[in-house]
């Protein structure tokens, strides 16, 4: 889900605490948010606040954190992923794998659909768009490496992969961008796509009412084929960095919806706002990057990595740092994904004595030293790593904490550190391995690999859809037992709202589809 390691990362996550993704809604013309403040009439405008400007309006270069929202508005995906993690038709009316091995995937394209520029959505246009996507450097382009897309007839598109890819439906959904189809005119003017989307989505960008870096205005697309799913005449994406200011705006009726934090929940509830827990969407802990001991020799030992896991008081940290939204976890994924293994819950109990014993067995009775870089702009991650460093020090492991004040800084620092801490969205194991543990993974700066693990993963990737979850769970079990990471806390997402419907009770990977929201 990340670009190649020699490129600037575009993170596939709502990185950090929930404070890093913020949604809000308001309207103009005397209406405030989803409801007119004086009359109670429903609003025709929704404003979505995000913490940073979109990276690009080109799906092959966009991010799928906050950057999803303009993509959802301007582009129609081939396949829609619902809040319950099921799939429904988008531009594709049907789809299926061909044969065995998950290397060929076929879609039937819906007829009679037009791009916002009036040109028809054809099978060839779809094939050209996906082939272009594979040349980009967005968070999911790496998962389509080696994939060739061809069109046959008026409505058939076939994806052929050199290696097994069991997650084509997910990658072609609105949450992972590859299925956001660009018009032929857009592909002819690729350089313009950064600031001017060119899709078949329910909305179009109003450039005259847009100020780049501040706010982006989208109006309903009159050519959109499914008018029943267009709930607002106008949607505005507004860049707001401060979550405290968002809550104040929500309380005063200027904002309708935002992602909140545990610390803000009492205030939100006392203000009469609707507080919706959408379930576990992220985990936070430590990625052990230097698993072959390039800079920190000790980390090449599974016993050492296991010791680091036993030395952490997960429950204590989860409660102290994340409050009601945090719970202890020792798996690098979240509940709700098939690759979460219930039998491995509490696999690493808090046992400093056992941790010391494992260190001694590995040849480090007096511990060792390493460095850990973390996203310092996320206060909860900062608190968490400080606690982890103290607990590791108790078993003789000295940790130099290296602050990363931005994602580019983190990208640079992780090439010098033994470990990294950044909140991470839950996702299927197929995508997880590609980012974290394959040789060219975006969060594998030392290219550490385990041939046995990757062979097991390759075989699991070929499994039928009915067997896929069980085989990927076996792959996930290896990652836990070999201690590739030190997961600490699973984090629920909480949404504060007023006058907005359509908020799902589950948000897989913290991906909210704003098109589904309505007054």
Protein backbone atom coordinates (compact mmCIF):
# COMPACT_ATOMS: atom_id res chain seq x y z
CA UNK A 1 0.00 0.00 0.00
CA UNK A 2 2.96 2.29 -0.01
CA UNK A 3 5.02 3.52 -2.92
CA UNK A 4 8.48 2.20 -3.51
CA UNK A 5 10.94 3.00 -0.78
CA UNK A 6 12.95 5.44 -2.89
CA UNK A 7 9.96 7.73 -3.26
CA UNK A 8 8.32 10.08 -0.83
CA UNK A 9 5.68 8.02 0.98
CA UNK A 10 2.01 8.75 0.62
CA UNK A 11 0.63 7.05 3.70
CA UNK A 12 -2.25 4.60 3.35
CA UNK A 13 -3.61 5.41 6.75
CA UNK A 14 -5.34 7.94 8.86
CA UNK A 15 -1.95 8.16 10.51
CA UNK A 16 -1.64 8.94 14.18
CA UNK A 17 -4.40 9.59 16.66
CA UNK A 18 -7.92 10.18 15.52
CA UNK A 19 -7.03 13.87 15.64
CA UNK A 20 -5.31 13.50 12.30
CA UNK A 21 -8.50 12.89 10.39
CA UNK A 22 -11.26 15.38 10.94
CA UNK A 23 -14.56 15.65 9.16
CA UNK A 24 -17.00 18.49 9.52
CA UNK A 25 -20.09 19.66 7.79
CA UNK A 26 -21.71 23.04 7.33
CA UNK A 27 -23.63 24.93 4.73
CA UNK A 28 -24.05 28.34 3.29
CA UNK A 29 -27.12 30.36 2.52
CA UNK A 30 -28.09 30.74 6.19
CA UNK A 31 -27.97 27.00 6.87
CA UNK A 32 -25.54 25.70 9.45
CA UNK A 33 -24.31 22.17 8.88
CA UNK A 34 -26.93 19.54 8.11
CA UNK A 35 -29.81 21.55 9.58
CA UNK A 36 -30.90 25.14 9.08
CA UNK A 37 -30.26 26.82 12.43
CA UNK A 38 -33.49 28.79 12.44
CA UNK A 39 -35.99 26.63 10.59
CA UNK A 40 -34.73 23.08 11.07
CA UNK A 41 -34.73 22.59 7.28
CA UNK A 42 -32.21 20.10 5.99
CA UNK A 43 -29.05 21.50 4.48
CA UNK A 44 -28.05 21.12 0.86
CA UNK A 45 -24.33 21.62 1.59
CA UNK A 46 -21.90 19.39 3.42
CA UNK A 47 -18.47 20.65 4.44
CA UNK A 48 -15.76 18.15 5.28
CA UNK A 49 -12.79 19.34 7.31
CA UNK A 50 -9.45 17.59 6.89
CA UNK A 51 -6.13 18.20 8.62
CA UNK A 52 -4.11 18.69 5.42
CA UNK A 53 -4.66 19.47 1.76
CA UNK A 54 -5.10 16.56 -0.67
CA UNK A 55 -1.83 15.34 -2.14
CA UNK A 56 -3.33 15.18 -5.63
CA UNK A 57 -6.59 14.76 -7.52
CA UNK A 58 -4.88 12.12 -9.64
CA UNK A 59 -5.88 8.70 -8.20
CA UNK A 60 -2.46 7.24 -9.06
CA UNK A 61 -0.79 9.88 -6.91
CA UNK A 62 -3.41 10.54 -4.24
CA UNK A 63 -3.34 9.30 -0.63
CA UNK A 64 -6.10 7.18 0.83
CA UNK A 65 -6.24 8.86 4.21
CA UNK A 66 -7.81 12.32 4.04
CA UNK A 67 -7.15 12.26 0.29
CA UNK A 68 -9.97 9.76 -0.15
CA UNK A 69 -12.68 12.37 0.20
CA UNK A 70 -12.11 14.33 -3.04
CA UNK A 71 -11.57 11.02 -4.82
CA UNK A 72 -14.91 9.69 -3.58
CA UNK A 73 -16.64 12.83 -4.82
CA UNK A 74 -15.04 13.21 -8.25
CA UNK A 75 -14.52 9.58 -9.25
CA UNK A 76 -16.84 6.61 -9.40
CA UNK A 77 -15.06 3.37 -8.43
CA UNK A 78 -15.46 0.14 -10.29
CA UNK A 79 -16.53 -1.56 -7.05
CA UNK A 80 -17.99 0.04 -3.94
CA UNK A 81 -16.93 -1.13 -0.50
CA UNK A 82 -19.69 -0.58 2.04
CA UNK A 83 -19.34 0.29 5.71
CA UNK A 84 -19.86 -3.38 6.54
CA UNK A 85 -16.89 -4.33 4.31
CA UNK A 86 -19.08 -5.98 1.68
CA UNK A 87 -18.98 -5.07 -2.02
CA UNK A 88 -21.58 -3.65 -4.37
CA UNK A 89 -21.48 -2.58 -8.03
CA UNK A 90 -20.07 0.74 -9.13
CA UNK A 91 -18.89 1.24 -12.70
CA UNK A 92 -18.59 -2.55 -12.81
CA UNK A 93 -21.92 -4.37 -12.72
CA UNK A 94 -20.25 -7.71 -11.94
CA UNK A 95 -16.79 -9.26 -11.45
CA UNK A 96 -15.12 -12.63 -10.91
CA UNK A 97 -11.79 -14.43 -10.82
CA UNK A 98 -11.02 -16.61 -13.84
CA UNK A 99 -9.63 -20.06 -13.21
CA UNK A 100 -7.47 -20.84 -10.17
CA UNK A 101 -4.54 -19.06 -8.58
CA UNK A 102 -6.01 -15.52 -8.35
CA UNK A 103 -4.02 -14.21 -11.31
CA UNK A 104 -6.89 -13.29 -13.68
CA UNK A 105 -9.79 -11.05 -12.72
CA UNK A 106 -12.63 -10.02 -15.02
CA UNK A 107 -15.13 -7.16 -14.77
CA UNK A 108 -18.27 -6.34 -16.72
CA UNK A 109 -18.61 -2.57 -17.16
CA UNK A 110 -21.97 -0.91 -16.60
CA UNK A 111 -23.49 0.46 -19.82
CA UNK A 112 -24.82 3.96 -20.38
CA UNK A 113 -22.53 5.75 -17.90
CA UNK A 114 -20.76 8.99 -18.80
CA UNK A 115 -17.76 10.83 -17.43
CA UNK A 116 -18.38 14.34 -16.12
CA UNK A 117 -17.07 15.70 -19.45
CA UNK A 118 -19.86 13.86 -21.29
CA UNK A 119 -17.75 11.10 -22.86
CA UNK A 120 -18.89 7.49 -22.38
CA UNK A 121 -17.35 5.10 -19.85
CA UNK A 122 -16.16 2.21 -22.00
CA UNK A 123 -14.20 -0.94 -21.33
CA UNK A 124 -11.21 0.55 -23.12
CA UNK A 125 -11.37 3.71 -21.01
CA UNK A 126 -11.38 1.55 -17.87
CA UNK A 127 -8.42 -0.53 -19.07
CA UNK A 128 -6.43 2.58 -20.01
CA UNK A 129 -7.10 4.17 -16.62
CA UNK A 130 -5.98 1.15 -14.57
CA UNK A 131 -2.88 0.69 -16.74
CA UNK A 132 -2.03 4.33 -16.08
CA UNK A 133 -2.63 3.83 -12.35
CA UNK A 134 0.05 1.13 -12.22
CA UNK A 135 2.66 3.70 -13.34
CA UNK A 136 1.96 6.04 -10.42
CA UNK A 137 3.33 6.21 -6.89
CA UNK A 138 0.26 6.33 -4.70
CA UNK A 139 -0.23 4.11 -1.65
CA UNK A 140 -1.69 1.14 -3.54
CA UNK A 141 0.09 1.21 -6.90
CA UNK A 142 2.67 -1.29 -5.63
CA UNK A 143 -0.07 -3.87 -5.16
CA UNK A 144 -0.72 -3.77 -8.91
CA UNK A 145 2.90 -4.13 -9.99
CA UNK A 146 3.12 -6.40 -13.03
CA UNK A 147 -0.62 -6.27 -13.67
CA UNK A 148 -1.74 -5.83 -17.29
CA UNK A 149 -5.28 -4.73 -18.13
CA UNK A 150 -7.03 -5.39 -21.43
CA UNK A 151 -10.46 -4.60 -22.85
CA UNK A 152 -12.48 -6.94 -25.04
CA UNK A 153 -15.78 -6.07 -26.63
CA UNK A 154 -17.88 -3.21 -25.34
CA UNK A 155 -18.02 -4.13 -21.68
CA UNK A 156 -15.34 -6.65 -20.60
CA UNK A 157 -12.11 -5.80 -18.82
CA UNK A 158 -9.56 -8.39 -17.70
CA UNK A 159 -6.70 -7.89 -15.23
CA UNK A 160 -3.82 -10.34 -15.52
CA UNK A 161 -1.17 -10.51 -12.82
CA UNK A 162 2.22 -12.23 -12.85
CA UNK A 163 1.67 -13.23 -9.23
CA UNK A 164 -1.41 -14.14 -7.23
CA UNK A 165 -3.53 -11.19 -6.15
CA UNK A 166 -6.58 -12.18 -4.08
CA UNK A 167 -7.57 -8.58 -3.26
CA UNK A 168 -8.53 -7.14 -6.65
CA UNK A 169 -12.07 -6.25 -5.43
CA UNK A 170 -10.66 -4.22 -2.55
CA UNK A 171 -7.99 -2.50 -4.66
CA UNK A 172 -10.63 -1.52 -7.22
CA UNK A 173 -12.91 -0.03 -4.56
CA UNK A 174 -13.18 3.64 -3.60
CA UNK A 175 -10.98 3.04 -0.55
CA UNK A 176 -7.90 1.93 -2.49
CA UNK A 177 -8.12 4.17 -5.55
CA UNK A 178 -7.19 1.82 -8.44
CA UNK A 179 -10.83 1.58 -9.47
CA UNK A 180 -11.30 5.36 -9.64
CA UNK A 181 -11.52 5.59 -13.40
CA UNK A 182 -10.06 8.62 -15.19
CA UNK A 183 -11.63 9.82 -18.44
CA UNK A 184 -9.72 9.57 -21.74
CA UNK A 185 -9.53 13.39 -21.81
CA UNK A 186 -7.98 13.35 -18.36
CA UNK A 187 -5.38 10.82 -19.44
CA UNK A 188 -4.46 13.04 -22.37
CA UNK A 189 -3.75 15.89 -19.95
CA UNK A 190 -2.08 13.95 -17.13
CA UNK A 191 -0.24 16.97 -15.72
CA UNK A 192 -3.58 18.67 -15.07
CA UNK A 193 -4.96 15.80 -13.01
CA UNK A 194 -3.10 16.96 -9.91
CA UNK A 195 -5.43 19.94 -9.54
CA UNK A 196 -8.32 19.02 -11.84
CA UNK A 197 -10.07 15.67 -11.34
CA UNK A 198 -11.57 14.01 -14.40
CA UNK A 199 -13.88 11.18 -13.41
CA UNK A 200 -17.44 9.89 -13.48
CA UNK A 201 -18.25 10.56 -9.83
CA UNK A 202 -21.31 12.14 -8.23
CA UNK A 203 -19.65 15.58 -7.98
CA UNK A 204 -17.39 17.85 -10.02
CA UNK A 205 -14.83 20.35 -8.79
CA UNK A 206 -15.94 23.99 -8.88
CA UNK A 207 -12.59 25.66 -9.56
CA UNK A 208 -14.05 29.13 -9.18
CA UNK A 209 -15.11 28.40 -5.61
CA UNK A 210 -11.87 26.62 -4.70
CA UNK A 211 -8.69 27.96 -3.09
CA UNK A 212 -5.94 25.34 -3.20
CA UNK A 213 -4.67 24.45 0.25
CA UNK A 214 -7.65 26.08 1.96
CA UNK A 215 -10.93 24.73 0.64
CA UNK A 216 -12.21 22.70 -2.31
CA UNK A 217 -15.80 23.00 -3.53
CA UNK A 218 -17.63 20.23 -5.36
CA UNK A 219 -21.08 20.53 -6.92
CA UNK A 220 -23.46 17.76 -7.96
CA UNK A 221 -22.61 16.20 -11.33
CA UNK A 222 -25.72 16.49 -13.57
CA UNK A 223 -24.45 13.59 -15.71
CA UNK A 224 -24.07 11.16 -12.79
CA UNK A 225 -25.91 7.91 -13.47
CA UNK A 226 -27.15 7.24 -9.91
CA UNK A 227 -28.84 10.45 -8.80
CA UNK A 228 -30.50 8.74 -5.83
CA UNK A 229 -27.11 8.54 -4.09
CA UNK A 230 -26.42 12.29 -4.40
CA UNK A 231 -27.57 13.70 -1.06
CA UNK A 232 -26.14 17.23 -1.18
CA UNK A 233 -26.01 19.88 -3.89
CA UNK A 234 -22.58 20.95 -2.73
CA UNK A 235 -19.73 19.37 -0.78
CA UNK A 236 -16.82 21.46 0.48
CA UNK A 237 -13.53 20.04 1.72
CA UNK A 238 -11.99 22.52 4.12
CA UNK A 239 -8.47 22.24 5.51
CA UNK A 240 -8.56 22.60 9.32
CA UNK A 241 -5.56 21.41 11.32
CA UNK A 242 -6.69 21.89 14.92
CA UNK A 243 -9.10 19.33 16.36
CA UNK A 244 -9.97 21.46 19.38
CA UNK A 245 -11.18 24.18 17.06
CA UNK A 246 -13.28 21.61 15.20
CA UNK A 247 -15.04 20.51 18.37
CA UNK A 248 -15.76 24.13 19.22
CA UNK A 249 -17.19 24.61 15.74
CA UNK A 250 -19.32 21.50 16.15
CA UNK A 251 -20.65 22.76 19.47
CA UNK A 252 -21.59 26.12 17.98
CA UNK A 253 -23.37 24.63 14.99
CA UNK A 254 -20.79 25.48 12.34
CA UNK A 255 -19.70 21.87 11.87
CA UNK A 256 -21.73 18.68 11.62
CA UNK A 257 -19.27 15.83 11.84
CA UNK A 258 -15.71 15.19 12.98
CA UNK A 259 -13.48 12.40 14.18
CA UNK A 260 -12.80 12.85 17.89
CA UNK A 261 -10.59 11.52 20.64
CA UNK A 262 -11.24 9.82 23.98
CA UNK A 263 -10.25 13.01 25.78
CA UNK A 264 -12.96 14.95 23.94
CA UNK A 265 -15.77 12.45 24.51
CA UNK A 266 -17.04 13.92 27.82
CA UNK A 267 -17.26 17.39 26.29
CA UNK A 268 -19.01 16.09 23.17
CA UNK A 269 -21.56 14.12 25.20
CA UNK A 270 -22.27 17.00 27.59
CA UNK A 271 -22.86 19.24 24.57
CA UNK A 272 -25.57 16.89 23.33
CA UNK A 273 -23.64 15.73 20.29
CA UNK A 274 -24.08 12.25 18.86
CA UNK A 275 -21.04 10.14 19.74
CA UNK A 276 -20.64 7.07 17.54
CA UNK A 277 -17.99 4.44 18.17
CA UNK A 278 -17.30 2.85 14.77
CA UNK A 279 -15.18 0.03 16.19
CA UNK A 280 -11.46 -0.79 16.05
CA UNK A 281 -9.84 0.74 13.01
CA UNK A 282 -6.16 1.22 13.96
CA UNK A 283 -3.40 -0.27 16.01
CA UNK A 284 -0.34 1.44 17.40
CA UNK A 285 2.94 0.04 18.60
CA UNK A 286 6.39 -0.52 17.14
CA UNK A 287 7.52 -1.77 13.74
CA UNK A 288 10.84 -3.59 14.24
CA UNK A 289 12.50 -2.47 11.03
CA UNK A 290 16.04 -3.82 11.38
CA UNK A 291 15.11 -7.51 11.50
CA UNK A 292 18.36 -8.61 9.85
CA UNK A 293 20.53 -6.66 12.26
CA UNK A 294 22.00 -4.20 9.78
CA UNK A 295 22.46 -1.46 12.40
CA UNK A 296 21.16 -3.15 15.55
CA UNK A 297 22.50 -6.69 15.49
CA UNK A 298 20.29 -7.85 18.36
CA UNK A 299 17.07 -7.27 16.40
CA UNK A 300 17.98 -10.10 14.02
CA UNK A 301 17.19 -12.55 16.84
CA UNK A 302 13.56 -13.71 17.17
CA UNK A 303 14.19 -14.23 20.89
CA UNK A 304 15.18 -10.59 21.27
CA UNK A 305 12.11 -9.41 19.36
CA UNK A 306 9.93 -11.67 21.49
CA UNK A 307 11.58 -10.28 24.63
CA UNK A 308 10.64 -6.77 23.57
CA UNK A 309 7.02 -7.92 23.29
CA UNK A 310 6.97 -9.54 26.74
CA UNK A 311 8.45 -6.38 28.30
CA UNK A 312 5.49 -4.13 27.40
CA UNK A 313 2.51 -3.53 29.70
CA UNK A 314 -0.06 -3.22 26.93
CA UNK A 315 -3.14 -2.87 29.12
CA UNK A 316 -1.56 -0.16 31.24
CA UNK A 317 -0.45 1.86 28.23
CA UNK A 318 -3.77 1.47 26.40
CA UNK A 319 -5.73 2.74 29.40
CA UNK A 320 -3.35 5.58 30.25
CA UNK A 321 -2.87 6.90 26.72
CA UNK A 322 -6.04 6.03 24.78
CA UNK A 323 -8.64 5.79 27.53
CA UNK A 324 -12.00 4.42 26.49
CA UNK A 325 -10.91 4.04 22.85
CA UNK A 326 -7.89 1.83 23.50
CA UNK A 327 -7.52 -1.88 24.24
CA UNK A 328 -4.44 -4.07 24.48
CA UNK A 329 -3.39 -6.04 21.38
CA UNK A 330 -0.41 -8.10 20.30
CA UNK A 331 -1.39 -8.50 16.65
CA UNK A 332 -0.43 -6.13 13.81
CA UNK A 333 -3.97 -5.92 12.47
CA UNK A 334 -7.38 -5.15 13.92
CA UNK A 335 -10.52 -7.09 14.70
CA UNK A 336 -12.92 -7.17 11.80
CA UNK A 337 -10.32 -8.37 9.31
CA UNK A 338 -10.22 -12.08 8.57
CA UNK A 339 -6.49 -12.18 9.28
CA UNK A 340 -7.01 -11.30 12.94
CA UNK A 341 -6.42 -14.54 14.87
CA UNK A 342 -8.56 -14.74 18.05
CA UNK A 343 -6.51 -17.62 19.45
CA UNK A 344 -3.44 -15.37 19.53
CA UNK A 345 -5.05 -12.77 21.77
CA UNK A 346 -2.78 -12.17 24.77
CA UNK A 347 -0.01 -14.20 23.14
CA UNK A 348 2.56 -11.88 24.75
CA UNK A 349 1.64 -11.38 28.38
CA UNK A 350 3.41 -8.69 30.39
CA UNK A 351 6.35 -10.67 31.80
CA UNK A 352 9.61 -8.70 32.28
CA UNK A 353 11.28 -11.73 33.90
CA UNK A 354 10.63 -13.85 30.80
CA UNK A 355 11.85 -10.98 28.63
CA UNK A 356 15.17 -10.90 30.51
CA UNK A 357 15.47 -14.66 30.20
CA UNK A 358 14.97 -14.51 26.41
CA UNK A 359 17.57 -11.74 26.11
CA UNK A 360 20.09 -13.85 28.01
CA UNK A 361 19.37 -16.89 25.84
CA UNK A 362 19.96 -14.75 22.75
CA UNK A 363 23.32 -13.61 24.08
CA UNK A 364 22.30 -10.22 25.45
CA UNK A 365 22.12 -10.67 29.23
CA UNK A 366 22.95 -7.00 29.75
CA UNK A 367 20.60 -5.79 27.05
CA UNK A 368 21.54 -3.66 24.05
CA UNK A 369 20.93 -0.22 22.52
CA UNK A 370 18.78 0.80 19.56
CA UNK A 371 16.88 3.80 18.24
CA UNK A 372 13.18 4.30 17.62
CA UNK A 373 11.74 7.06 15.48
CA UNK A 374 8.15 8.12 16.05
CA UNK A 375 5.57 10.60 14.80
CA UNK A 376 5.97 13.35 17.37
CA UNK A 377 3.10 15.42 15.95
CA UNK A 378 0.77 12.75 17.35
CA UNK A 379 0.72 13.32 21.14
CA UNK A 380 -0.66 9.87 21.88
CA UNK A 381 2.09 8.12 19.92
CA UNK A 382 4.61 10.27 21.78
CA UNK A 383 3.18 9.25 25.17
CA UNK A 384 3.09 5.61 24.13
CA UNK A 385 6.73 5.39 22.98
CA UNK A 386 7.92 7.13 26.13
CA UNK A 387 6.20 4.45 28.19
CA UNK A 388 7.60 1.68 25.99
CA UNK A 389 11.14 3.08 26.31
CA UNK A 390 10.84 3.08 30.11
CA UNK A 391 9.60 -0.51 30.16
CA UNK A 392 12.34 -1.68 27.78
CA UNK A 393 14.93 0.09 29.94
CA UNK A 394 13.77 -2.08 32.85
CA UNK A 395 15.07 -5.16 30.99
CA UNK A 396 18.32 -3.46 29.94
CA UNK A 397 17.31 -2.25 26.46
CA UNK A 398 18.33 1.37 25.98
CA UNK A 399 16.22 3.21 23.43
CA UNK A 400 17.11 6.50 21.78
CA UNK A 401 13.86 8.16 20.81
CA UNK A 402 14.10 10.09 17.54
CA UNK A 403 11.35 12.63 16.93
CA UNK A 404 9.81 12.84 13.44
CA UNK A 405 7.81 16.03 13.14
CA UNK A 406 6.40 15.18 9.70
CA UNK A 407 5.91 12.22 7.39
CA UNK A 408 8.87 13.19 5.18
CA UNK A 409 11.03 13.37 8.32
CA UNK A 410 9.77 9.96 9.38
CA UNK A 411 10.60 8.58 5.94
CA UNK A 412 14.17 9.81 6.32
CA UNK A 413 14.62 8.82 9.96
CA UNK A 414 13.45 5.25 9.55
CA UNK A 415 16.50 4.50 7.39
CA UNK A 416 18.66 5.24 10.42
CA UNK A 417 16.52 3.73 13.17
CA UNK A 418 16.07 0.19 14.39
CA UNK A 419 12.35 0.70 14.91
CA UNK A 420 9.44 2.96 14.02
CA UNK A 421 6.20 3.91 15.74
CA UNK A 422 3.22 5.25 13.79
CA UNK A 423 -0.48 4.44 14.13
CA UNK A 424 -1.56 2.05 11.40
CA UNK A 425 -4.93 1.24 9.93
CA UNK A 426 -6.21 -2.31 9.91
CA UNK A 427 -6.00 -3.97 6.51
CA UNK A 428 -5.96 -7.43 4.90
CA UNK A 429 -2.77 -9.44 5.28
CA UNK A 430 -2.16 -9.41 1.53
CA UNK A 431 -1.76 -5.63 1.61
CA UNK A 432 0.04 -5.73 4.97
CA UNK A 433 2.80 -8.01 3.70
CA UNK A 434 3.35 -5.91 0.60
CA UNK A 435 3.97 -2.79 2.67
CA UNK A 436 5.76 -4.17 5.71
CA UNK A 437 7.57 -7.42 5.00
CA UNK A 438 8.23 -7.79 1.29
CA UNK A 439 11.71 -6.86 0.09
CA UNK A 440 10.53 -3.59 -1.49
CA UNK A 441 7.90 -2.73 1.11
CA UNK A 442 7.53 0.96 1.91
CA UNK A 443 8.04 0.29 5.62
CA UNK A 444 10.90 -2.16 5.10
CA UNK A 445 13.86 0.23 4.70
CA UNK A 446 16.48 -2.47 5.34
CA UNK A 447 14.79 -4.92 2.93
CA UNK A 448 14.61 -7.55 5.66
CA UNK A 449 12.97 -10.73 4.41
CA UNK A 450 12.22 -14.24 5.60
CA UNK A 451 12.10 -16.69 2.66
CA UNK A 452 9.97 -19.22 4.54
CA UNK A 453 7.44 -16.57 5.52
CA UNK A 454 7.23 -15.11 2.01
CA UNK A 455 6.84 -18.58 0.46
CA UNK A 456 3.97 -19.28 2.85
CA UNK A 457 2.46 -15.94 1.91
CA UNK A 458 2.80 -16.66 -1.82
CA UNK A 459 0.96 -19.94 -1.45
CA UNK A 460 -1.78 -18.36 0.66
CA UNK A 461 -2.26 -15.67 -2.00
CA UNK A 462 -3.25 -18.37 -4.48
CA UNK A 463 -6.00 -19.76 -2.26
CA UNK A 464 -9.63 -19.74 -3.30
CA UNK A 465 -11.79 -17.01 -1.80
CA UNK A 466 -13.34 -19.56 0.57
CA UNK A 467 -9.90 -20.64 1.87
CA UNK A 468 -8.12 -17.29 1.69
CA UNK A 469 -8.91 -15.99 5.17
CA UNK A 470 -7.78 -19.18 6.92
CA UNK A 471 -4.51 -19.35 5.01
CA UNK A 472 -3.77 -15.67 5.53
CA UNK A 473 -4.47 -16.18 9.24
CA UNK A 474 -1.66 -18.76 9.22
CA UNK A 475 0.61 -16.16 7.64
CA UNK A 476 -0.42 -13.62 10.28
CA UNK A 477 0.39 -16.14 13.00
CA UNK A 478 3.99 -16.36 11.80
CA UNK A 479 4.35 -12.57 11.92
CA UNK A 480 3.10 -12.56 15.52
CA UNK A 481 5.18 -15.51 16.74
CA UNK A 482 8.36 -14.29 15.03
CA UNK A 483 7.70 -10.85 16.52
CA UNK A 484 8.07 -8.70 13.42
CA UNK A 485 6.32 -5.95 15.37
CA UNK A 486 5.47 -4.96 18.94
CA UNK A 487 1.75 -4.09 18.74
CA UNK A 488 0.51 -2.37 21.89
CA UNK A 489 -2.97 -0.91 21.49
CA UNK A 490 -5.97 -1.37 19.24
CA UNK A 491 -7.78 1.94 18.75
CA UNK A 492 -11.47 2.51 18.18
CA UNK A 493 -12.62 5.39 16.01
CA UNK A 494 -15.18 7.78 17.48
CA UNK A 495 -17.28 10.18 15.43
CA UNK A 496 -18.97 13.28 16.85
CA UNK A 497 -21.89 14.51 14.79
CA UNK A 498 -25.02 16.63 14.64
CA UNK A 499 -27.69 16.33 11.98
CA UNK A 500 -25.81 13.84 9.80
CA UNK A 501 -27.05 10.34 8.98
CA UNK A 502 -25.34 7.45 7.24
CA UNK A 503 -22.45 7.03 9.69
CA UNK A 504 -21.72 3.28 9.72
CA UNK A 505 -21.27 1.31 12.92
CA UNK A 506 -18.02 -0.07 11.50
CA UNK A 507 -15.31 1.69 9.51
CA UNK A 508 -12.89 -0.91 8.13
CA UNK A 509 -9.48 0.73 8.01
CA UNK A 510 -11.02 4.03 9.22
CA UNK A 511 -12.33 4.69 5.70
CA UNK A 512 -15.48 6.80 5.81
CA UNK A 513 -17.31 7.10 2.50
CA UNK A 514 -18.60 10.66 2.55
CA UNK A 515 -20.89 9.97 -0.41
CA UNK A 516 -22.98 7.78 1.90
CA UNK A 517 -23.58 10.64 4.36
CA UNK A 518 -26.91 12.44 4.16
CA UNK A 519 -28.92 15.04 6.15
